[in-house]
Amino acid sequence: MKIKHIDGDRDFNLFLLAGLFAGIGAGINTSIFNNYLNDIFRLSENVRGFLEVPREAPGFFIMLVLAILSFCGDVRIAMLGMAAAGLGMLGLGLLSPTFAVMIIWMMMYSLGTHMVMPVTPSIGMSLSKQKSFGARLGTVSAFGLFGSIIAYIFIFLSFHFLHMTYQLAFIIGAVFYVFAALAVGLMKKGKPEARKVKFIFRKRYTLYYVLAGISGARAQIFLTFAPWVLIKVFNVQPQMFALLGMVVAFVSIGTRKMIGRLIDVRGERFVLTLEAALLFAICLGYAFSANIFPVGITAVIIAGCYVIDNSMAAVEMARSTYLRKIAVDLADVTPTLSTGVSLQHIASMVIPVFGGLLWSAFGYQAVFKGAAVIAFLNFVLSRRIKIEFDPAIKAE
């Protein structure tokens, strides 16, 4: 893939390069982090659940962080975020002699990635004309995805054939984040825009808030415990997670386009209802497959559930487009989405704690039975979505 064929714009090309490097760093972290926790620190299920509180805390406070750093501008914030993520990975690899110290570096990595996420679309659109917003952001996303695929291939080959250590893998991931920060640093910085910490609560958006919270709860159960089941119960190693990551990446390429088309053709209610039904089936797969099938077949079923769930991340855009269509004022959209993200992070910090305690008391199947209840509630609420034209709504 030659960058010069994408566009002749220097800053946009540098941003794509940064996205590629950051995608490699993130892909390395995704492939090895849970195995690292298990192999180095031997965490129990309830401690693994509690660990999500500090890991997700930077995401909850990110609006405040961005407001404090608003004098820097989006490009500098992206550069700082990538550098922070790199520092976090370096600390995980070299400077984590104890569990408590590891948590500090984990939070540093989380803060860095959360700083980059909200400014990425803003930077991409600032380097585009309005008629090409979608295509440009799609290209940025594609380069990040391509970087992740490179990381998965690297982790598979290095852990399977070269017996690479976690420490070296984290260091290599940190180096790629530094490359990403340097690429962004070469871009023109532009004028900073003041950001205000603003949350909006309107009765009209109640269903969106509830759906966002439930989505965060359900997603965090899978993010925390789906890989933990594969590690603890089926002894899945980093190279297998790298393979699963590759499958997820390639499947996601197709599902992103398909979900976007379904939103346009069938609407948000259909897409979110379908997601909830699939997630309910996935939860049942995790909860009951071990009671029905031999260990080998159960491992394949659960790995398949893992791939399907991770391939459905693009459904989040349906919640965003639903909000956009019911918004009283277009000025409400961004702060209300921010409110939704904060609600998701509250759920992300609370739910895994109870999930870990549930696993310790009743086994991993109980966690996914609880997730099935959440998915069913999501299904019922998704059926309540109605989008009606209101002439009082501003279309400016």
Protein backbone atom coordinates (compact mmCIF):
# COMPACT_ATOMS: atom_id res chain seq x y z
CA MET A 1 0.00 0.00 0.00
CA LYS A 2 1.69 3.19 -1.15
CA ILE A 3 0.73 6.31 0.71
CA LYS A 4 1.57 8.59 -2.18
CA HIS A 5 -1.24 7.03 -4.18
CA ILE A 6 -3.79 7.90 -1.52
CA ASP A 7 -3.41 11.63 -1.59
CA GLY A 8 -0.80 14.23 -2.30
CA ASP A 9 -1.50 16.18 0.90
CA ARG A 10 1.54 16.02 3.19
CA ASP A 11 -0.28 16.40 6.51
CA PHE A 12 -2.91 13.81 5.62
CA ASN A 13 -0.21 11.35 4.54
CA LEU A 14 1.64 11.91 7.82
CA PHE A 15 -1.61 11.32 9.70
CA LEU A 16 -2.16 8.05 7.82
CA LEU A 17 1.38 6.99 8.66
CA ALA A 18 0.76 7.80 12.32
CA GLY A 19 -2.44 5.76 12.21
CA LEU A 20 -0.54 2.82 10.73
CA PHE A 21 2.15 2.95 13.43
CA ALA A 22 -0.40 3.42 16.23
CA GLY A 23 -2.41 0.50 14.85
CA ILE A 24 0.68 -1.72 15.14
CA GLY A 25 1.27 -0.62 18.74
CA ALA A 26 -2.38 -1.15 19.69
CA GLY A 27 -2.50 -4.52 17.94
CA ILE A 28 0.52 -5.74 19.91
CA ASN A 29 -1.08 -4.65 23.18
CA THR A 30 -4.42 -6.27 22.33
CA SER A 31 -2.77 -9.58 21.44
CA ILE A 32 -0.67 -10.00 24.58
CA PHE A 33 -2.11 -7.94 27.45
CA ASN A 34 -4.47 -10.52 28.96
CA ASN A 35 -1.91 -13.32 28.69
CA TYR A 36 0.64 -10.97 30.26
CA LEU A 37 -1.66 -10.38 33.24
CA ASN A 38 -2.26 -14.09 33.66
CA ASP A 39 1.32 -15.33 33.14
CA ILE A 40 3.19 -12.60 35.04
CA PHE A 41 0.78 -11.66 37.84
CA ARG A 42 -1.44 -14.78 38.08
CA LEU A 43 -4.60 -12.75 38.65
CA SER A 44 -7.75 -14.32 40.00
CA GLU A 45 -11.07 -13.67 38.26
CA ASN A 46 -12.29 -11.14 40.82
CA VAL A 47 -9.00 -9.19 40.72
CA ARG A 48 -9.20 -9.18 36.91
CA GLY A 49 -12.66 -7.65 37.22
CA PHE A 50 -11.51 -4.99 39.70
CA LEU A 51 -8.61 -4.09 37.39
CA GLU A 52 -11.09 -2.60 34.91
CA VAL A 53 -11.81 0.27 37.34
CA PRO A 54 -8.38 1.93 36.96
CA ARG A 55 -8.07 0.80 33.34
CA GLU A 56 -11.30 2.53 32.30
CA ALA A 57 -10.99 5.54 34.62
CA PRO A 58 -9.04 7.64 32.05
CA GLY A 59 -11.88 7.14 29.57
CA PHE A 60 -14.40 8.47 32.10
CA PHE A 61 -12.34 11.62 32.72
CA ILE A 62 -11.23 12.15 29.13
CA MET A 63 -13.57 15.10 28.48
CA LEU A 64 -12.00 16.94 31.41
CA VAL A 65 -8.48 16.06 30.16
CA LEU A 66 -9.28 17.32 26.66
CA ALA A 67 -10.75 20.53 28.07
CA ILE A 68 -7.60 21.15 30.14
CA LEU A 69 -5.39 20.49 27.09
CA SER A 70 -7.56 22.44 24.64
CA PHE A 71 -4.89 25.16 24.41
CA CYS A 72 -2.68 22.60 22.63
CA GLY A 73 -5.00 21.92 19.68
CA ASP A 74 -6.06 18.53 18.31
CA VAL A 75 -2.77 17.69 16.56
CA ARG A 76 -0.66 18.28 19.66
CA ILE A 77 -3.16 16.35 21.79
CA ALA A 78 -2.88 13.40 19.37
CA MET A 79 0.92 13.61 19.57
CA LEU A 80 0.85 13.70 23.39
CA GLY A 81 -1.64 10.82 23.47
CA MET A 82 0.51 8.61 21.26
CA ALA A 83 3.60 9.44 23.31
CA ALA A 84 1.70 8.62 26.53
CA ALA A 85 0.53 5.30 25.09
CA GLY A 86 4.12 4.50 24.10
CA LEU A 87 5.38 5.40 27.57
CA GLY A 88 2.70 3.19 29.08
CA MET A 89 3.74 0.20 26.95
CA LEU A 90 7.40 0.81 27.77
CA GLY A 91 6.53 0.82 31.47
CA LEU A 92 4.55 -2.41 31.14
CA GLY A 93 7.55 -4.03 29.48
CA LEU A 94 10.45 -2.72 31.57
CA LEU A 95 9.24 -0.95 34.70
CA SER A 96 6.55 -3.14 36.29
CA PRO A 97 8.23 -5.07 39.12
CA THR A 98 4.97 -5.20 41.10
CA PHE A 99 1.26 -5.37 40.32
CA ALA A 100 0.67 -1.89 41.81
CA VAL A 101 3.33 -0.31 39.58
CA MET A 102 1.95 -2.13 36.55
CA ILE A 103 -1.44 -0.48 37.17
CA ILE A 104 0.18 2.96 36.85
CA TRP A 105 1.65 2.12 33.42
CA MET A 106 -1.59 0.47 32.34
CA MET A 107 -3.46 3.68 33.19
CA MET A 108 -0.85 5.71 31.27
CA TYR A 109 -1.44 3.57 28.18
CA SER A 110 -5.21 3.84 28.60
CA LEU A 111 -5.00 7.63 28.99
CA GLY A 112 -2.93 7.92 25.81
CA THR A 113 -5.29 5.84 23.68
CA HIS A 114 -8.33 7.67 25.06
CA MET A 115 -6.72 11.02 24.22
CA VAL A 116 -6.19 9.97 20.60
CA MET A 117 -9.66 8.48 19.96
CA PRO A 118 -11.84 11.62 20.12
CA VAL A 119 -9.44 13.89 18.19
CA THR A 120 -8.78 11.42 15.34
CA PRO A 121 -12.04 12.12 13.43
CA SER A 122 -11.66 15.83 14.11
CA ILE A 123 -8.14 15.90 12.61
CA GLY A 124 -9.21 13.71 9.67
CA MET A 125 -12.11 16.03 8.82
CA SER A 126 -9.96 19.14 9.22
CA LEU A 127 -7.72 17.73 6.46
CA SER A 128 -10.69 17.04 4.17
CA LYS A 129 -13.33 18.81 2.18
CA GLN A 130 -16.87 18.33 3.45
CA LYS A 131 -17.92 16.17 0.50
CA SER A 132 -15.10 13.72 1.25
CA PHE A 133 -15.42 13.47 5.07
CA GLY A 134 -16.63 9.87 4.94
CA ALA A 135 -14.02 8.68 2.45
CA ARG A 136 -11.17 10.36 4.35
CA LEU A 137 -12.23 8.95 7.73
CA GLY A 138 -12.65 5.55 6.11
CA THR A 139 -9.08 5.75 4.82
CA VAL A 140 -7.78 6.71 8.29
CA SER A 141 -9.66 3.77 9.81
CA ALA A 142 -8.32 1.42 7.13
CA PHE A 143 -4.70 2.35 7.87
CA GLY A 144 -5.23 1.73 11.59
CA LEU A 145 -6.80 -1.63 10.79
CA PHE A 146 -3.93 -2.49 8.45
CA GLY A 147 -1.49 -1.66 11.24
CA SER A 148 -3.35 -4.01 13.59
CA ILE A 149 -3.12 -6.83 11.02
CA ILE A 150 0.65 -6.29 10.77
CA ALA A 151 0.84 -6.50 14.58
CA TYR A 152 -1.17 -9.73 14.70
CA ILE A 153 1.06 -11.36 12.08
CA PHE A 154 4.16 -10.20 13.98
CA ILE A 155 2.89 -11.53 17.34
CA PHE A 156 1.89 -14.87 15.85
CA LEU A 157 5.25 -15.42 14.16
CA SER A 158 7.40 -14.11 17.02
CA PHE A 159 5.63 -15.95 19.85
CA HIS A 160 5.11 -19.16 17.87
CA PHE A 161 8.55 -19.49 16.29
CA LEU A 162 10.90 -17.13 18.15
CA HIS A 163 9.53 -17.51 21.72
CA MET A 164 9.44 -13.75 22.19
CA THR A 165 9.02 -12.38 25.72
CA TYR A 166 6.22 -10.05 26.79
CA GLN A 167 8.82 -7.44 27.75
CA LEU A 168 10.31 -7.27 24.26
CA ALA A 169 6.86 -7.21 22.63
CA PHE A 170 5.81 -4.24 24.78
CA ILE A 171 9.05 -2.40 23.94
CA ILE A 172 8.47 -2.91 20.21
CA GLY A 173 4.89 -1.66 20.59
CA ALA A 174 6.20 1.41 22.45
CA VAL A 175 8.65 2.14 19.61
CA PHE A 176 5.82 2.16 17.07
CA TYR A 177 3.82 4.58 19.24
CA VAL A 178 6.88 6.85 19.33
CA PHE A 179 7.04 6.67 15.52
CA ALA A 180 3.33 7.60 15.44
CA ALA A 181 3.93 10.59 17.74
CA LEU A 182 6.85 11.75 15.58
CA ALA A 183 4.73 11.51 12.41
CA VAL A 184 1.99 13.62 14.00
CA GLY A 185 4.63 16.01 15.31
CA LEU A 186 5.70 16.76 11.75
CA MET A 187 2.19 17.95 10.86
CA LYS A 188 1.14 21.58 10.89
CA LYS A 189 -0.34 22.22 14.31
CA GLY A 190 -3.18 24.58 13.40
CA LYS A 191 -5.04 26.87 15.76
CA PRO A 192 -6.27 25.37 19.05
CA GLU A 193 -10.01 25.41 19.72
CA ALA A 194 -11.31 25.92 23.24
CA ARG A 195 -13.20 22.91 24.59
CA LYS A 196 -15.76 23.04 27.36
CA VAL A 197 -16.76 20.10 29.55
CA LYS A 198 -20.40 19.98 28.58
CA PHE A 199 -22.95 17.25 29.22
CA ILE A 200 -26.55 17.38 28.05
CA PHE A 201 -29.49 15.55 29.59
CA ARG A 202 -32.88 15.83 27.90
CA LYS A 203 -35.93 13.64 28.42
CA ARG A 204 -36.11 13.16 24.66
CA TYR A 205 -32.73 11.39 24.72
CA THR A 206 -33.54 9.03 27.61
CA LEU A 207 -33.64 5.93 25.43
CA TYR A 208 -30.27 6.82 23.90
CA TYR A 209 -28.73 7.21 27.37
CA VAL A 210 -30.10 3.84 28.49
CA LEU A 211 -28.94 2.10 25.30
CA ALA A 212 -25.48 3.65 25.68
CA GLY A 213 -25.20 2.47 29.29
CA ILE A 214 -26.38 -1.05 28.48
CA SER A 215 -24.04 -1.19 25.50
CA GLY A 216 -21.11 -0.24 27.74
CA ALA A 217 -22.05 -2.87 30.32
CA ARG A 218 -22.40 -5.67 27.79
CA ALA A 219 -19.28 -4.69 25.83
CA GLN A 220 -17.13 -4.57 28.95
CA ILE A 221 -18.20 -8.04 30.04
CA PHE A 222 -16.92 -9.39 26.74
CA LEU A 223 -13.82 -7.18 26.66
CA THR A 224 -12.81 -8.32 30.15
CA PHE A 225 -14.00 -11.89 30.45
CA ALA A 226 -14.22 -13.32 26.90
CA PRO A 227 -10.42 -13.46 26.51
CA TRP A 228 -10.09 -14.48 30.15
CA VAL A 229 -12.24 -17.57 29.51
CA LEU A 230 -10.06 -18.53 26.55
CA ILE A 231 -6.91 -18.09 28.67
CA LYS A 232 -8.03 -19.62 31.96
CA VAL A 233 -10.29 -22.41 30.71
CA PHE A 234 -8.79 -23.28 27.32
CA ASN A 235 -5.15 -22.13 27.80
CA VAL A 236 -5.12 -19.94 24.66
CA GLN A 237 -1.71 -18.33 24.07
CA PRO A 238 -0.80 -14.93 22.54
CA GLN A 239 -0.19 -16.37 19.08
CA MET A 240 -3.75 -17.73 18.99
CA PHE A 241 -5.15 -14.34 20.06
CA ALA A 242 -3.12 -12.86 17.21
CA LEU A 243 -4.78 -15.30 14.79
CA LEU A 244 -8.22 -14.46 16.19
CA GLY A 245 -7.35 -10.77 15.87
CA MET A 246 -6.51 -11.26 12.19
CA VAL A 247 -9.84 -13.00 11.61
CA VAL A 248 -11.67 -10.18 13.42
CA ALA A 249 -9.84 -7.55 11.34
CA PHE A 250 -10.68 -9.17 8.01
CA VAL A 251 -14.29 -9.86 9.01
CA SER A 252 -14.66 -6.27 10.27
CA ILE A 253 -13.75 -4.90 6.84
CA GLY A 254 -16.93 -6.46 5.49
CA THR A 255 -19.17 -5.87 8.51
CA ARG A 256 -18.42 -2.13 8.62
CA LYS A 257 -19.74 -1.63 5.10
CA MET A 258 -22.66 -4.00 5.67
CA ILE A 259 -23.74 -2.31 8.92
CA GLY A 260 -23.54 1.13 7.31
CA ARG A 261 -25.73 -0.07 4.44
CA LEU A 262 -28.24 -1.68 6.81
CA ILE A 263 -28.56 1.55 8.79
CA ASP A 264 -29.37 3.46 5.60
CA VAL A 265 -31.76 0.83 4.21
CA ARG A 266 -33.41 -0.79 7.26
CA GLY A 267 -32.87 1.82 9.96
CA GLU A 268 -31.37 1.95 13.44
CA ARG A 269 -34.08 -0.09 15.15
CA PHE A 270 -33.48 -3.06 12.84
CA VAL A 271 -29.68 -2.90 13.23
CA LEU A 272 -29.68 -2.53 17.02
CA THR A 273 -32.34 -5.22 17.42
CA LEU A 274 -30.31 -7.59 15.24
CA GLU A 275 -27.18 -6.81 17.26
CA ALA A 276 -28.99 -7.56 20.53
CA ALA A 277 -30.34 -10.87 19.19
CA LEU A 278 -26.87 -11.94 18.00
CA LEU A 279 -25.31 -10.95 21.30
CA PHE A 280 -27.96 -12.92 23.21
CA ALA A 281 -27.05 -16.00 21.13
CA ILE A 282 -23.32 -15.38 21.75
CA CYS A 283 -23.91 -15.16 25.51
CA LEU A 284 -25.76 -18.48 25.40
CA GLY A 285 -22.82 -19.95 23.48
CA TYR A 286 -20.43 -18.93 26.24
CA ALA A 287 -22.77 -20.00 29.04
CA PHE A 288 -23.98 -23.41 27.84
CA SER A 289 -21.67 -24.84 25.15
CA ALA A 290 -19.45 -26.59 27.75
CA ASN A 291 -22.54 -28.43 29.03
CA ILE A 292 -23.39 -29.76 25.56
CA PHE A 293 -20.17 -30.30 23.61
CA PRO A 294 -16.72 -31.83 24.22
CA VAL A 295 -13.89 -29.49 25.24
CA GLY A 296 -12.44 -29.16 21.71
CA ILE A 297 -15.74 -28.22 20.10
CA THR A 298 -16.57 -25.88 23.00
CA ALA A 299 -13.26 -24.05 22.48
CA VAL A 300 -14.06 -23.57 18.78
CA ILE A 301 -17.59 -22.32 19.56
CA ILE A 302 -16.34 -19.83 22.15
CA ALA A 303 -13.55 -18.64 19.84
CA GLY A 304 -16.21 -18.14 17.14
CA CYS A 305 -18.33 -16.15 19.58
CA TYR A 306 -15.25 -14.06 20.39
CA VAL A 307 -14.71 -13.26 16.71
CA ILE A 308 -18.36 -12.41 16.01
CA ASP A 309 -18.64 -10.11 19.02
CA ASN A 310 -15.42 -8.23 18.22
CA SER A 311 -16.49 -7.86 14.58
CA MET A 312 -19.66 -5.98 15.57
CA ALA A 313 -18.01 -2.88 17.03
CA ALA A 314 -19.23 -0.81 14.05
CA VAL A 315 -22.82 -1.13 15.30
CA GLU A 316 -21.99 1.72 17.66
CA MET A 317 -22.53 4.08 14.71
CA ALA A 318 -26.23 3.12 14.71
CA ARG A 319 -26.63 4.56 18.22
CA SER A 320 -24.86 7.73 17.03
CA THR A 321 -27.04 8.12 13.92
CA TYR A 322 -30.16 7.46 16.02
CA LEU A 323 -29.21 10.33 18.30
CA ARG A 324 -28.46 12.56 15.32
CA LYS A 325 -31.93 11.91 13.88
CA ILE A 326 -33.83 12.66 17.11
CA ALA A 327 -31.69 15.64 18.20
CA VAL A 328 -33.64 18.74 19.19
CA ASP A 329 -30.72 20.85 18.01
CA LEU A 330 -27.62 19.80 16.08
CA ALA A 331 -25.56 21.53 18.77
CA ASP A 332 -26.79 18.83 21.15
CA VAL A 333 -25.20 15.96 19.23
CA THR A 334 -21.54 16.14 20.25
CA PRO A 335 -22.08 16.83 23.99
CA THR A 336 -24.83 14.20 24.15
CA LEU A 337 -22.53 11.64 22.51
CA SER A 338 -19.95 12.63 25.14
CA THR A 339 -22.55 12.03 27.84
CA GLY A 340 -23.22 8.61 26.33
CA VAL A 341 -19.50 7.78 26.36
CA SER A 342 -19.30 8.78 30.03
CA LEU A 343 -22.27 6.53 30.86
CA GLN A 344 -20.57 3.68 28.99
CA HIS A 345 -17.41 4.19 31.03
CA ILE A 346 -19.34 4.17 34.31
CA ALA A 347 -20.75 0.79 33.29
CA SER A 348 -17.28 -0.29 32.14
CA MET A 349 -15.84 0.36 35.59
CA VAL A 350 -18.70 -1.11 37.65
CA ILE A 351 -19.87 -4.21 35.75
CA PRO A 352 -16.54 -6.12 35.58
CA VAL A 353 -16.21 -5.90 39.38
CA PHE A 354 -19.47 -7.77 39.83
CA GLY A 355 -18.58 -10.08 36.94
CA GLY A 356 -15.34 -11.11 38.63
CA LEU A 357 -17.12 -11.80 41.91
CA LEU A 358 -19.79 -13.78 40.06
CA TRP A 359 -17.14 -15.89 38.30
CA SER A 360 -15.35 -16.60 41.59
CA ALA A 361 -18.57 -17.70 43.25
CA PHE A 362 -20.38 -19.61 40.47
CA GLY A 363 -18.00 -20.08 37.53
CA TYR A 364 -17.52 -18.24 34.25
CA GLN A 365 -20.85 -19.46 32.85
CA ALA A 366 -22.69 -17.32 35.41
CA VAL A 367 -21.02 -14.16 34.04
CA PHE A 368 -22.37 -14.83 30.55
CA LYS A 369 -25.81 -15.80 31.82
CA GLY A 370 -25.88 -12.32 33.36
CA ALA A 371 -24.66 -10.88 30.05
CA ALA A 372 -27.52 -12.72 28.31
CA VAL A 373 -30.00 -10.92 30.56
CA ILE A 374 -28.39 -7.59 29.61
CA ALA A 375 -28.52 -8.53 25.90
CA PHE A 376 -32.22 -9.42 26.21
CA LEU A 377 -32.92 -6.08 27.90
CA ASN A 378 -31.01 -4.42 25.05
CA PHE A 379 -33.25 -6.27 22.57
CA VAL A 380 -36.45 -5.08 24.27
CA LEU A 381 -35.28 -1.47 24.46
CA SER A 382 -34.02 -1.46 20.86
CA ARG A 383 -37.52 -2.37 19.71
CA ARG A 384 -38.74 0.90 21.31
CA ILE A 385 -36.70 3.06 18.93
CA LYS A 386 -38.91 5.40 16.92
CA ILE A 387 -37.64 8.13 14.63
CA GLU A 388 -40.34 10.61 13.70
CA PHE A 389 -39.98 13.88 11.84
CA ASP A 390 -40.51 16.85 14.10
CA PRO A 391 -40.74 20.22 12.34
CA ALA A 392 -39.71 21.90 15.58
CA ILE A 393 -36.27 20.31 15.39
CA LYS A 394 -33.63 22.62 13.96
CA ALA A 395 -31.98 21.38 10.81
CA GLU A 396 -29.24 23.94 10.79
